[in-house]
Amino acid sequence: MTALRLLGALIVLAFAGRASAQSTLDQAENAYAEIDFPRVIELSNQALTEGGHSPSEVARLYELIGLSHAAEREEEEAREAYKRLLALRPDAEADTNLAPRLRSPFMEAKGFWASRSGFSAEARVVRARGAVRVELSDPLGMATTIRVLSRDHAVMGPMEATEVPAEGSVLVDVPVIADAAQVDYAVLVLDEHGNRLAELGNEDEPRVFGEAPMGGPGPGAGPSEGGGGIPKWVWIVGGVVVAGAVALGVGLALREKPITLQSGVSFE
């Protein structure tokens, strides 16, 4: 019995620890609602260190850090956090209900970006090289890794990952590009903790490059239509021919019988 209780306690602790790690962002939000700014800063930085967050979640964490540092009169720290917020969400605006003291670091961060190119990522497939070209603009040096996910569109299995250090322009080798007619791919820009700063497609909704093979279904198509790849015009012409033959047969059949009118006059 003692062993069972001990095992149960360990399971509870394991799940509690996992839930805590997964909800650190929520804990930071709760601390912000309770106006516990030091706790907000601690939890938000902890969440960033844990990694695995989406671009919108990372932006929110930097926003919470900026607001809390500003409330604690730590303007330099607030400004740096706001710079990162605006890098990921350039259309962010300061709450007009905030006191001027709290808005000042945000406005200074906005001025920082006014004369600089923003954070951005673009990608294109280079079929001849069997690679993906990624162009990155990262004035703050937030990104450390570029991860390219890929698979043969016809296979629809797990996506393979290729990682390279983040640079302004990098060519990432993706062998499946040279071999498959269609390729599913996604480009993720990651920070040092594995948080996603930018997503160009993802595992659930990847980008698709290439054209479906002749006679095969295109992206998202169900079972092949038109008789296993036979061109539609063949079926259209064939349909017309068959329809014409049926009509001719009916006409000949009618011709073999007298056509009787209501007046009783018949025509042979």
Protein backbone atom coordinates (compact mmCIF):
# COMPACT_ATOMS: atom_id res chain seq x y z
CA MET A 1 0.00 0.00 0.00
CA THR A 2 2.85 2.38 0.89
CA ALA A 3 4.49 1.70 -2.48
CA LEU A 4 1.24 2.44 -4.32
CA ARG A 5 0.81 5.72 -2.45
CA LEU A 6 4.39 6.70 -3.25
CA LEU A 7 3.86 5.88 -6.92
CA GLY A 8 0.66 7.91 -6.98
CA ALA A 9 2.38 10.88 -5.38
CA LEU A 10 5.19 10.74 -7.95
CA ILE A 11 2.68 10.66 -10.81
CA VAL A 12 0.82 13.65 -9.38
CA LEU A 13 4.06 15.59 -8.98
CA ALA A 14 5.13 14.74 -12.53
CA PHE A 15 1.88 15.98 -14.02
CA ALA A 16 1.88 19.06 -11.79
CA GLY A 17 5.39 19.94 -12.94
CA ARG A 18 4.43 19.46 -16.57
CA ALA A 19 1.29 21.59 -16.22
CA SER A 20 3.32 24.30 -14.50
CA ALA A 21 5.88 24.37 -17.33
CA GLN A 22 3.13 24.54 -19.92
CA SER A 23 1.29 27.39 -18.23
CA THR A 24 4.09 29.77 -17.34
CA LEU A 25 2.73 32.36 -19.76
CA ASP A 26 -0.70 32.08 -18.11
CA GLN A 27 0.94 32.51 -14.70
CA ALA A 28 2.62 35.68 -15.96
CA GLU A 29 -0.75 36.96 -17.20
CA ASN A 30 -2.28 36.25 -13.79
CA ALA A 31 0.55 38.05 -12.02
CA TYR A 32 0.03 41.05 -14.32
CA ALA A 33 -3.69 41.08 -13.48
CA GLU A 34 -2.70 41.09 -9.79
CA ILE A 35 -0.29 44.02 -10.41
CA ASP A 36 2.67 41.96 -9.21
CA PHE A 37 5.21 43.39 -11.66
CA PRO A 38 8.39 41.73 -10.30
CA ARG A 39 6.62 38.37 -10.56
CA VAL A 40 5.51 39.17 -14.12
CA ILE A 41 9.10 39.86 -15.15
CA GLU A 42 10.32 36.66 -13.50
CA LEU A 43 7.64 34.43 -15.06
CA SER A 44 7.84 36.00 -18.51
CA ASN A 45 11.60 35.52 -18.67
CA GLN A 46 11.15 31.97 -17.41
CA ALA A 47 8.62 31.28 -20.18
CA LEU A 48 11.02 32.61 -22.81
CA THR A 49 13.78 30.38 -21.44
CA GLU A 50 11.52 27.33 -21.58
CA GLY A 51 11.10 27.91 -25.32
CA GLY A 52 8.62 26.44 -27.75
CA HIS A 53 6.39 29.51 -28.01
CA SER A 54 4.70 30.83 -31.15
CA PRO A 55 5.54 34.27 -32.59
CA SER A 56 2.40 35.81 -31.07
CA GLU A 57 3.19 34.34 -27.65
CA VAL A 58 6.78 35.60 -27.78
CA ALA A 59 5.52 39.08 -28.65
CA ARG A 60 3.11 39.00 -25.72
CA LEU A 61 5.87 37.95 -23.32
CA TYR A 62 8.03 40.88 -24.39
CA GLU A 63 5.02 43.15 -23.99
CA LEU A 64 4.46 41.96 -20.42
CA ILE A 65 8.16 42.44 -19.64
CA GLY A 66 8.12 45.95 -21.10
CA LEU A 67 5.00 46.99 -19.22
CA SER A 68 6.29 45.61 -15.93
CA HIS A 69 9.74 47.18 -16.19
CA ALA A 70 8.10 50.50 -17.04
CA ALA A 71 5.86 50.20 -13.99
CA GLU A 72 8.96 49.52 -11.89
CA ARG A 73 10.60 52.67 -13.34
CA GLU A 74 13.22 50.56 -15.14
CA GLU A 75 13.04 52.45 -18.40
CA GLU A 76 16.05 50.98 -20.17
CA GLU A 77 14.88 47.40 -19.61
CA ALA A 78 11.37 48.38 -20.67
CA ARG A 79 12.64 50.00 -23.86
CA GLU A 80 14.68 46.92 -24.82
CA ALA A 81 11.68 44.64 -24.30
CA TYR A 82 9.49 46.96 -26.35
CA LYS A 83 12.02 46.91 -29.18
CA ARG A 84 11.62 43.15 -29.40
CA LEU A 85 7.86 43.39 -29.17
CA LEU A 86 7.79 45.82 -32.10
CA ALA A 87 10.21 43.67 -34.08
CA LEU A 88 7.69 40.84 -33.98
CA ARG A 89 4.53 42.95 -34.02
CA PRO A 90 5.24 46.26 -35.80
CA ASP A 91 1.60 47.39 -35.56
CA ALA A 92 1.55 47.22 -31.74
CA GLU A 93 0.34 50.35 -30.01
CA ALA A 94 0.66 51.60 -26.44
CA ASP A 95 -2.52 51.64 -24.38
CA THR A 96 -3.72 55.24 -24.30
CA ASN A 97 -5.01 54.66 -20.76
CA LEU A 98 -1.46 54.19 -19.47
CA ALA A 99 0.25 57.03 -17.64
CA PRO A 100 2.79 58.96 -19.76
CA ARG A 101 5.61 57.52 -17.62
CA LEU A 102 4.59 54.02 -18.68
CA ARG A 103 4.16 54.93 -22.34
CA SER A 104 7.47 56.77 -22.72
CA PRO A 105 9.74 53.68 -23.15
CA PHE A 106 7.32 52.30 -25.74
CA MET A 107 7.39 55.50 -27.78
CA GLU A 108 11.20 55.54 -27.63
CA ALA A 109 11.28 51.96 -28.90
CA LYS A 110 8.91 52.91 -31.70
CA GLY A 111 11.27 55.73 -32.63
CA PHE A 112 14.15 53.24 -32.76
CA TRP A 113 12.39 51.33 -35.54
CA ALA A 114 11.31 54.45 -37.43
CA SER A 115 14.73 54.75 -39.12
CA ARG A 116 15.52 51.03 -39.49
CA SER A 117 14.35 48.11 -41.53
CA GLY A 118 12.24 45.79 -39.43
CA PHE A 119 12.53 42.14 -38.57
CA SER A 120 11.46 39.99 -41.52
CA ALA A 121 11.98 36.61 -43.13
CA GLU A 122 11.37 35.48 -46.70
CA ALA A 123 11.92 32.12 -48.36
CA ARG A 124 11.87 30.72 -51.88
CA VAL A 125 12.57 27.31 -53.33
CA VAL A 126 15.56 26.94 -55.65
CA ARG A 127 14.71 23.77 -57.56
CA ALA A 128 18.00 23.65 -59.51
CA ARG A 129 19.97 23.60 -56.26
CA GLY A 130 17.61 21.34 -54.34
CA ALA A 131 17.45 23.98 -51.63
CA VAL A 132 15.47 26.75 -49.97
CA ARG A 133 16.88 30.28 -49.98
CA VAL A 134 16.05 32.18 -46.77
CA GLU A 135 16.50 35.95 -46.52
CA LEU A 136 16.50 37.31 -42.98
CA SER A 137 16.47 40.87 -41.64
CA ASP A 138 17.24 40.85 -37.92
CA PRO A 139 18.66 44.16 -36.66
CA LEU A 140 18.48 43.08 -33.00
CA GLY A 141 20.16 39.70 -33.56
CA MET A 142 17.24 37.84 -32.00
CA ALA A 143 17.43 34.79 -34.29
CA THR A 144 19.99 32.03 -33.85
CA THR A 145 18.62 29.17 -35.97
CA ILE A 146 16.72 28.62 -39.21
CA ARG A 147 14.82 25.34 -39.36
CA VAL A 148 13.43 24.08 -42.67
CA LEU A 149 10.79 21.35 -42.57
CA SER A 150 10.08 19.36 -45.73
CA ARG A 151 8.48 16.23 -47.19
CA ASP A 152 7.28 14.78 -50.47
CA HIS A 153 3.72 16.07 -50.93
CA ALA A 154 2.62 12.67 -52.28
CA VAL A 155 3.81 10.84 -49.16
CA MET A 156 2.21 13.10 -46.53
CA GLY A 157 4.29 11.59 -43.70
CA PRO A 158 6.27 13.37 -40.96
CA MET A 159 8.30 16.37 -42.09
CA GLU A 160 12.10 16.17 -41.97
CA ALA A 161 13.95 19.03 -40.28
CA THR A 162 17.16 20.71 -41.42
CA GLU A 163 18.75 23.40 -39.23
CA VAL A 164 21.39 25.99 -40.05
CA PRO A 165 22.69 29.05 -38.19
CA ALA A 166 20.64 32.19 -38.80
CA GLU A 167 22.26 34.54 -41.32
CA GLY A 168 21.15 37.36 -43.57
CA SER A 169 20.99 35.08 -46.60
CA VAL A 170 21.39 31.33 -46.41
CA LEU A 171 20.83 28.44 -48.82
CA VAL A 172 19.47 25.40 -46.98
CA ASP A 173 19.90 22.05 -48.74
CA VAL A 174 16.64 20.09 -48.94
CA PRO A 175 17.22 16.92 -51.03
CA VAL A 176 13.52 16.10 -51.47
CA ILE A 177 13.12 19.26 -53.58
CA ALA A 178 15.20 17.74 -56.38
CA ASP A 179 13.40 14.39 -56.26
CA ALA A 180 9.68 15.12 -55.71
CA ALA A 181 7.24 16.71 -58.14
CA GLN A 182 5.58 18.55 -55.26
CA VAL A 183 7.12 19.45 -51.92
CA ASP A 184 5.56 20.55 -48.63
CA TYR A 185 7.89 22.86 -46.73
CA ALA A 186 7.98 25.36 -43.90
CA VAL A 187 10.63 27.75 -42.62
CA LEU A 188 10.88 28.55 -38.91
CA VAL A 189 13.10 31.28 -37.50
CA LEU A 190 14.08 30.42 -33.91
CA ASP A 191 15.73 32.24 -31.03
CA GLU A 192 18.34 30.69 -28.72
CA HIS A 193 15.66 28.91 -26.68
CA GLY A 194 13.72 27.47 -29.62
CA ASN A 195 10.94 30.06 -29.57
CA ARG A 196 9.51 30.80 -33.02
CA LEU A 197 10.13 34.37 -34.09
CA ALA A 198 8.69 33.84 -37.57
CA GLU A 199 6.86 31.07 -39.39
CA LEU A 200 6.63 30.70 -43.15
CA GLY A 201 4.21 27.81 -43.15
CA ASN A 202 4.22 25.22 -40.37
CA GLU A 203 3.68 21.52 -39.72
CA ASP A 204 -0.10 21.81 -39.95
CA GLU A 205 -0.28 24.23 -42.88
CA PRO A 206 2.92 23.95 -44.92
CA ARG A 207 3.68 25.78 -48.12
CA VAL A 208 3.43 23.68 -51.30
CA PHE A 209 5.95 23.99 -54.13
CA GLY A 210 5.70 22.36 -57.56
CA GLU A 211 2.94 20.95 -59.73
CA ALA A 212 1.09 17.66 -59.50
CA PRO A 213 2.23 14.98 -61.96
CA MET A 214 0.24 14.71 -65.21
CA GLY A 215 -2.91 12.70 -64.65
CA GLY A 216 -2.52 12.77 -60.87
CA PRO A 217 -4.64 14.62 -58.34
CA GLY A 218 -3.53 18.10 -57.39
CA PRO A 219 -3.03 19.42 -53.86
CA GLY A 220 -5.95 18.54 -51.65
CA ALA A 221 -7.65 16.52 -54.38
CA GLY A 222 -9.57 13.39 -53.53
CA PRO A 223 -9.61 10.22 -55.61
CA SER A 224 -8.77 10.86 -59.26
CA GLU A 225 -11.69 11.91 -61.41
CA GLY A 226 -12.27 11.24 -65.11
CA GLY A 227 -11.27 7.55 -65.17
CA GLY A 228 -7.79 7.26 -63.70
CA GLY A 229 -6.03 10.12 -65.47
CA ILE A 230 -7.66 9.97 -68.91
CA PRO A 231 -7.95 13.58 -70.16
CA LYS A 232 -11.36 15.16 -69.67
CA TRP A 233 -11.69 16.03 -73.35
CA VAL A 234 -11.64 12.31 -74.19
CA TRP A 235 -14.58 11.73 -71.90
CA ILE A 236 -16.43 14.77 -73.24
CA VAL A 237 -15.97 13.75 -76.86
CA GLY A 238 -16.77 10.15 -75.98
CA GLY A 239 -19.90 11.27 -74.21
CA VAL A 240 -21.02 13.24 -77.22
CA VAL A 241 -20.40 10.26 -79.51
CA VAL A 242 -22.29 7.89 -77.22
CA ALA A 243 -25.16 10.31 -76.85
CA GLY A 244 -25.33 10.70 -80.62
CA ALA A 245 -25.32 6.96 -81.13
CA VAL A 246 -28.12 6.49 -78.61
CA ALA A 247 -30.20 9.19 -80.30
CA LEU A 248 -29.64 7.63 -83.73
CA GLY A 249 -30.63 4.21 -82.41
CA VAL A 250 -33.83 5.58 -80.92
CA GLY A 251 -34.63 7.36 -84.18
CA LEU A 252 -34.16 4.17 -86.21
CA ALA A 253 -36.28 2.21 -83.79
CA LEU A 254 -39.10 4.71 -84.09
CA ARG A 255 -38.74 4.70 -87.83
CA GLU A 256 -39.51 0.97 -87.94
CA LYS A 257 -42.96 1.54 -86.38
CA PRO A 258 -45.88 3.57 -87.76
CA ILE A 259 -46.33 7.04 -86.29
CA THR A 260 -50.05 7.35 -85.50
CA LEU A 261 -51.70 10.77 -85.04
CA GLN A 262 -54.86 11.35 -83.07
CA SER A 263 -56.82 11.89 -86.31
CA GLY A 264 -56.30 8.23 -87.09
CA VAL A 265 -54.08 9.01 -90.09
CA SER A 266 -50.87 7.04 -89.96
CA PHE A 267 -47.55 7.55 -91.74
CA GLU A 268 -45.36 4.63 -92.72
